[in-house]
Protein backbone atom coordinates (compact mmCIF):
# COMPACT_ATOMS: atom_id res chain seq x y z
CA MET A 1 -145.39 128.11 -12.26
CA ASN A 2 -144.55 125.70 -9.77
CA GLU A 3 -141.21 126.35 -7.98
CA GLN A 4 -138.71 123.53 -8.70
CA ILE A 5 -137.85 121.21 -6.64
CA ALA A 6 -134.57 121.33 -5.66
CA ILE A 7 -132.23 117.59 -6.37
CA HIS A 8 -129.19 116.26 -4.50
CA MET A 9 -126.37 114.20 -5.33
CA VAL A 10 -126.25 111.40 -2.84
CA VAL A 11 -122.85 109.91 -2.03
CA THR A 12 -122.60 106.86 -0.19
CA ILE A 13 -118.68 105.10 0.55
CA VAL A 14 -118.97 101.20 2.10
CA ASP A 15 -116.80 98.22 2.23
CA ARG A 16 -116.61 95.85 -1.12
CA GLY A 17 -119.49 93.54 -1.25
CA LYS A 18 -121.73 96.16 0.26
CA CYS A 19 -123.26 98.17 -2.74
CA GLU A 20 -126.37 95.85 -3.37
CA LYS A 21 -127.94 96.35 0.13
CA VAL A 22 -127.02 100.01 -0.52
CA VAL A 23 -128.97 100.08 -3.67
CA ASP A 24 -131.92 97.94 -2.14
CA LEU A 25 -132.32 100.70 0.44
CA CYS A 26 -132.05 103.15 -2.01
CA ARG A 27 -134.96 101.68 -3.96
CA SER A 28 -137.07 101.01 -1.25
CA GLU A 29 -137.52 105.18 -0.62
CA GLY A 30 -138.32 105.36 -3.99
CA VAL A 31 -134.83 106.17 -5.58
CA PRO A 32 -134.70 104.82 -9.16
CA LEU A 33 -131.63 106.15 -10.47
CA HIS A 34 -127.86 104.91 -8.96
CA LEU A 35 -124.13 105.09 -10.20
CA VAL A 36 -122.32 102.11 -8.50
CA SER A 37 -118.01 102.74 -8.75
CA LEU A 38 -115.35 100.70 -7.27
CA GLY A 39 -112.54 102.50 -5.19
CA HIS A 40 -110.55 102.05 -1.87
CA GLY A 41 -109.91 104.06 0.83
CA THR A 42 -106.93 105.95 2.32
CA ALA A 43 -107.06 106.00 5.85
CA ARG A 44 -103.89 104.98 7.77
CA THR A 45 -103.52 101.39 9.01
CA GLU A 46 -103.81 103.13 12.78
CA MET A 47 -106.82 104.43 11.66
CA LEU A 48 -108.24 101.72 10.21
CA ASP A 49 -107.67 99.97 13.80
CA LEU A 50 -109.30 103.19 15.41
CA LEU A 51 -112.43 102.68 13.65
CA GLY A 52 -113.03 99.27 13.35
CA LEU A 53 -112.39 98.40 9.71
CA GLY A 54 -111.36 95.58 8.57
CA GLU A 55 -111.10 96.34 4.52
CA THR A 56 -110.14 99.49 2.21
CA GLN A 57 -111.99 97.97 -0.69
CA LYS A 58 -114.43 99.91 -0.97
CA ASP A 59 -117.90 100.49 -3.12
CA THR A 60 -119.21 104.19 -4.20
CA VAL A 61 -122.77 103.93 -5.00
CA ILE A 62 -124.10 107.81 -5.92
CA SER A 63 -127.52 108.42 -6.30
CA PHE A 64 -129.88 111.80 -7.36
CA VAL A 65 -133.05 112.52 -5.28
CA PRO A 66 -135.29 115.34 -4.88
CA GLU A 67 -134.36 117.28 -1.70
CA TYR A 68 -137.44 116.14 0.32
CA THR A 69 -136.14 112.41 0.10
CA VAL A 70 -132.43 113.23 1.33
CA CYS A 71 -133.24 113.09 5.09
CA PRO A 72 -135.50 110.10 5.02
CA LEU A 73 -133.26 108.07 2.59
CA LEU A 74 -130.17 109.04 4.98
CA GLU A 75 -131.94 107.96 7.80
CA ARG A 76 -132.65 104.39 6.14
CA LEU A 77 -129.17 103.88 4.99
CA ALA A 78 -128.29 105.03 8.52
CA ASP A 79 -130.41 101.87 10.00
CA GLY A 80 -130.14 99.43 7.15
CA MET A 81 -126.25 99.86 7.08
CA LYS A 82 -125.77 100.86 10.57
CA MET A 83 -123.83 104.22 9.89
CA ARG A 84 -124.80 105.31 13.02
CA TYR A 85 -121.58 103.57 14.30
CA PRO A 86 -117.68 104.47 13.64
CA GLY A 87 -116.19 102.55 10.33
CA LYS A 88 -120.25 101.59 8.76
CA GLY A 89 -119.61 103.68 6.02
CA ILE A 90 -120.42 107.21 5.33
CA SER A 91 -123.29 108.75 3.11
CA PHE A 92 -123.36 112.17 2.34
CA ALA A 93 -125.70 114.65 -0.16
CA VAL A 94 -124.65 117.52 -1.99
CA PRO A 95 -126.98 119.94 -4.12
CA VAL A 96 -126.96 120.20 -7.80
CA SER A 97 -127.90 122.92 -9.34
CA SER A 98 -129.74 121.87 -12.45
CA VAL A 99 -130.84 118.32 -14.13
CA SER A 100 -132.11 117.89 -17.59
CA ALA A 101 -135.76 118.19 -17.73
CA LYS A 102 -136.56 114.17 -18.15
CA MET A 103 -134.12 113.49 -15.45
CA TYR A 104 -136.44 115.62 -13.52
CA ARG A 105 -139.55 114.53 -13.83
CA THR A 106 -138.29 110.82 -13.46
CA LEU A 107 -136.42 111.87 -10.02
CA THR A 108 -140.27 113.41 -8.75
CA GLU A 109 -142.39 111.21 -10.37
CA HIS A 110 -140.84 108.67 -8.71
CA THR A 111 -140.18 109.73 -5.23
CA GLN A 112 -143.21 111.57 -3.18
CA PRO A 113 -142.92 113.89 -0.50
CA LYS A 114 -144.71 111.79 2.64
CA GLU A 115 -146.31 114.00 5.37
CA GLU A 116 -144.42 115.08 8.61
CA ARG A 117 -140.66 114.77 7.47
CA THR A 118 -138.64 117.21 9.15
CA GLU A 119 -135.25 118.23 8.92
CA SER A 120 -133.31 116.21 10.86
CA VAL A 121 -129.70 116.81 12.85
CA MET A 122 -127.91 115.08 9.72
CA ALA A 123 -128.64 118.67 7.99
CA CYS A 124 -125.33 120.68 8.08
CA GLU A 125 -125.12 122.68 5.46
CA GLY A 126 -121.79 125.25 5.66
CA LYS A 127 -119.92 122.67 7.84
CA TYR A 128 -118.61 120.42 5.12
CA GLU A 129 -116.86 120.58 2.15
CA LEU A 130 -116.34 117.79 -0.75
CA VAL A 131 -112.91 118.33 -1.91
CA VAL A 132 -112.27 116.47 -5.33
CA ALA A 133 -108.85 116.18 -6.75
CA LEU A 134 -108.90 114.63 -10.45
CA ILE A 135 -105.28 113.37 -10.83
CA ASN A 136 -103.14 111.03 -12.88
CA ARG A 137 -102.89 107.68 -11.73
CA GLY A 138 -100.24 106.58 -8.81
CA TYR A 139 -100.27 110.26 -6.93
CA THR A 140 -103.23 108.86 -4.45
CA ASP A 141 -100.20 108.99 -1.49
CA LEU A 142 -98.88 111.93 -2.44
CA VAL A 143 -102.62 113.94 -2.20
CA MET A 144 -103.52 112.23 1.21
CA GLU A 145 -100.23 112.91 2.72
CA ALA A 146 -100.53 116.68 1.70
CA ALA A 147 -104.17 116.71 2.87
CA ARG A 148 -103.47 114.95 6.01
CA GLN A 149 -100.60 117.35 6.59
CA VAL A 150 -103.59 120.37 7.04
CA GLY A 151 -105.78 118.18 8.80
CA ALA A 152 -107.84 115.79 6.77
CA PRO A 153 -108.58 112.62 7.92
CA GLY A 154 -108.79 110.15 5.02
CA GLY A 155 -110.47 110.29 1.70
CA THR A 156 -112.38 107.67 -1.40
CA VAL A 157 -110.32 107.07 -4.43
CA LEU A 158 -112.29 106.31 -7.89
CA SER A 159 -110.12 105.33 -11.25
CA THR A 160 -111.63 106.56 -14.33
CA ARG A 161 -110.72 108.06 -17.46
CA GLY A 162 -110.47 111.41 -18.84
CA ILE A 163 -112.15 112.15 -22.26
CA GLY A 164 -111.58 116.15 -23.66
CA SER A 165 -111.06 117.71 -26.77
CA GLU A 166 -107.89 119.04 -27.83
CA GLU A 167 -108.40 122.60 -26.81
CA VAL A 168 -109.02 121.69 -23.25
CA GLU A 169 -106.08 119.61 -23.67
CA GLN A 170 -103.50 122.63 -24.41
CA PHE A 171 -105.00 124.86 -22.16
CA LEU A 172 -104.39 122.69 -18.81
CA GLY A 173 -101.02 121.53 -20.05
CA ILE A 174 -102.87 117.98 -19.66
CA SER A 175 -103.71 114.73 -21.51
CA ILE A 176 -107.30 114.42 -20.66
CA GLN A 177 -107.43 110.42 -21.86
CA ALA A 178 -104.73 109.74 -19.12
CA GLU A 179 -105.66 106.83 -16.72
CA LYS A 180 -107.09 109.48 -13.44
CA GLU A 181 -107.87 108.98 -9.95
CA ILE A 182 -110.68 110.80 -8.88
CA VAL A 183 -109.99 111.18 -4.69
CA PHE A 184 -113.21 112.61 -2.24
CA LEU A 185 -112.49 113.61 1.18
CA VAL A 186 -115.46 115.22 2.93
CA VAL A 187 -113.54 117.82 5.55
CA PRO A 188 -114.84 120.54 7.83
CA THR A 189 -115.60 124.04 5.99
CA GLU A 190 -112.92 125.67 7.66
CA LYS A 191 -110.22 123.06 6.70
CA ARG A 192 -111.32 123.03 3.01
CA GLN A 193 -108.86 126.11 1.78
CA ASP A 194 -106.10 124.72 3.70
CA VAL A 195 -106.71 121.19 2.29
CA MET A 196 -107.45 123.11 -1.13
CA GLN A 197 -104.33 124.27 -1.33
CA ALA A 198 -102.09 121.45 0.22
CA ILE A 199 -102.85 119.61 -2.68
CA SER A 200 -102.57 121.99 -5.86
CA HIS A 201 -98.80 122.98 -3.71
CA GLU A 202 -98.09 119.35 -4.09
CA ALA A 203 -100.23 117.62 -6.68
CA GLY A 204 -101.45 120.80 -8.94
CA LEU A 205 -101.29 121.04 -12.72
CA LYS A 206 -97.83 121.96 -12.70
CA THR A 207 -96.33 118.76 -11.01
CA PRO A 208 -96.07 114.93 -12.47
CA ALA A 209 -99.59 114.35 -10.86
CA LYS A 210 -101.20 117.30 -13.02
CA GLY A 211 -104.35 117.53 -10.33
CA VAL A 212 -107.27 119.83 -10.92
CA VAL A 213 -108.77 120.73 -7.19
CA LEU A 214 -112.64 121.87 -6.53
CA SER A 215 -114.98 121.85 -3.76
CA LEU A 216 -119.06 121.19 -3.94
CA PRO A 217 -120.88 121.91 -0.54
CA VAL A 218 -122.05 119.04 1.50
CA SER A 219 -126.01 119.47 3.10
CA HIS A 220 -126.27 116.53 5.04
CA ALA A 221 -124.06 113.79 6.07
CA ILE A 222 -124.20 110.42 8.38
CA GLY A 223 -120.56 108.03 9.09
CA LEU A 224 -118.98 111.33 9.82
CA ALA A 225 -116.44 111.42 12.93
């Protein structure tokens, strides 16, 4: 039996209006599946000035790729979107434990490993974590201020709407169908616990923000300071 190829979720965050170019670059690497969402950055004005950013409105592109495509895709994005320079966006990969059989076939049939592809310096397994906070709308500033107090530089916010069963709502004590915001923060692994605890303390389930916080490992990244 052939060993299954690991699948990664690649998240690319760029200034508003640049998602089409990101998708085109992904397609040039044979990546067939993308999700595009509108969001906004949370970096303070002085940080925007430091990074040379004139835009806080963001496009987020989520792609699913086989492991052997991660480095070539990030290299393509680094060159095509100039992500090797500060303030041009970030892209990072998160390992996915499993996907449906049909999705797996689609991803592996559309992309093929190329010869002499080696792991690049973008490999950062163990160095970064993606902290995800799902909160009631309107509490982003509270979450980010808590995260900044323990060293998180900034994040990206996506608007969403949750749908859940009555049992889950009763267990968590929150209304899943309320308007929500998702905050993405990529932080050094050593800061993960502090960031999660700070967010939970200020915006957790026992607060009006009704936040749920989780973290995922980041295997590769470009554009991070």
